[in-house]
């Protein structure tokens, strides 16, 4: 039960961090391209 909850929490954190990182990477690439 607890392990399942922890794995779900880790998965949510992972997806949240990916969701934050990928747009940042794309905007950085766009900034570099437009320079």
C-alpha atoms as a PDB file:
ATOM      1  CA  UNK A   1       0.000   0.000   0.000  1.00  0.00           C
ATOM      2  CA  UNK A   2       2.659   2.494   1.086  1.00  0.00           C
ATOM      3  CA  UNK A   3       5.059   1.421  -1.674  1.00  0.00           C
ATOM      4  CA  UNK A   4       2.302   1.847  -4.259  1.00  0.00           C
ATOM      5  CA  UNK A   5       1.564   5.358  -2.971  1.00  0.00           C
ATOM      6  CA  UNK A   6       5.273   6.256  -3.042  1.00  0.00           C
ATOM      7  CA  UNK A   7       5.691   5.004  -6.606  1.00  0.00           C
ATOM      8  CA  UNK A   8       2.649   7.015  -7.721  1.00  0.00           C
ATOM      9  CA  UNK A   9       4.050  10.110  -6.001  1.00  0.00           C
ATOM     10  CA  UNK A  10       7.455   9.618  -7.657  1.00  0.00           C
ATOM     11  CA  UNK A  11       5.764   9.163 -11.025  1.00  0.00           C
ATOM     12  CA  UNK A  12       3.799  12.405 -10.571  1.00  0.00           C
ATOM     13  CA  UNK A  13       6.959  14.294  -9.557  1.00  0.00           C
ATOM     14  CA  UNK A  14       8.797  12.850 -12.564  1.00  0.00           C
ATOM     15  CA  UNK A  15       6.060  13.884 -14.990  1.00  0.00           C
ATOM     16  CA  UNK A  16       5.803  17.319 -13.377  1.00  0.00           C
ATOM     17  CA  UNK A  17       9.559  17.894 -13.666  1.00  0.00           C
ATOM     18  CA  UNK A  18       9.509  16.693 -17.284  1.00  0.00           C
ATOM     19  CA  UNK A  19       6.583  19.006 -17.989  1.00  0.00           C
ATOM     20  CA  UNK A  20       8.619  21.891 -16.568  1.00  0.00           C
ATOM     21  CA  UNK A  21      11.902  20.931 -18.244  1.00  0.00           C
ATOM     22  CA  UNK A  22      10.746  20.256 -21.799  1.00  0.00           C
ATOM     23  CA  UNK A  23       9.096  23.682 -22.431  1.00  0.00           C
ATOM     24  CA  UNK A  24      12.188  25.353 -20.944  1.00  0.00           C
ATOM     25  CA  UNK A  25      14.442  23.392 -23.296  1.00  0.00           C
ATOM     26  CA  UNK A  26      12.265  24.229 -26.292  1.00  0.00           C
ATOM     27  CA  UNK A  27      12.188  27.948 -25.434  1.00  0.00           C
ATOM     28  CA  UNK A  28      15.966  27.903 -24.952  1.00  0.00           C
ATOM     29  CA  UNK A  29      16.403  26.300 -28.383  1.00  0.00           C
ATOM     30  CA  UNK A  30      14.117  28.912 -29.926  1.00  0.00           C
ATOM     31  CA  UNK A  31      16.087  31.703 -28.251  1.00  0.00           C
ATOM     32  CA  UNK A  32      19.341  30.258 -29.569  1.00  0.00           C
ATOM     33  CA  UNK A  33      17.869  29.886 -33.060  1.00  0.00           C
ATOM     34  CA  UNK A  34      16.529  33.430 -33.159  1.00  0.00           C
ATOM     35  CA  UNK A  35      19.821  34.980 -32.045  1.00  0.00           C
END
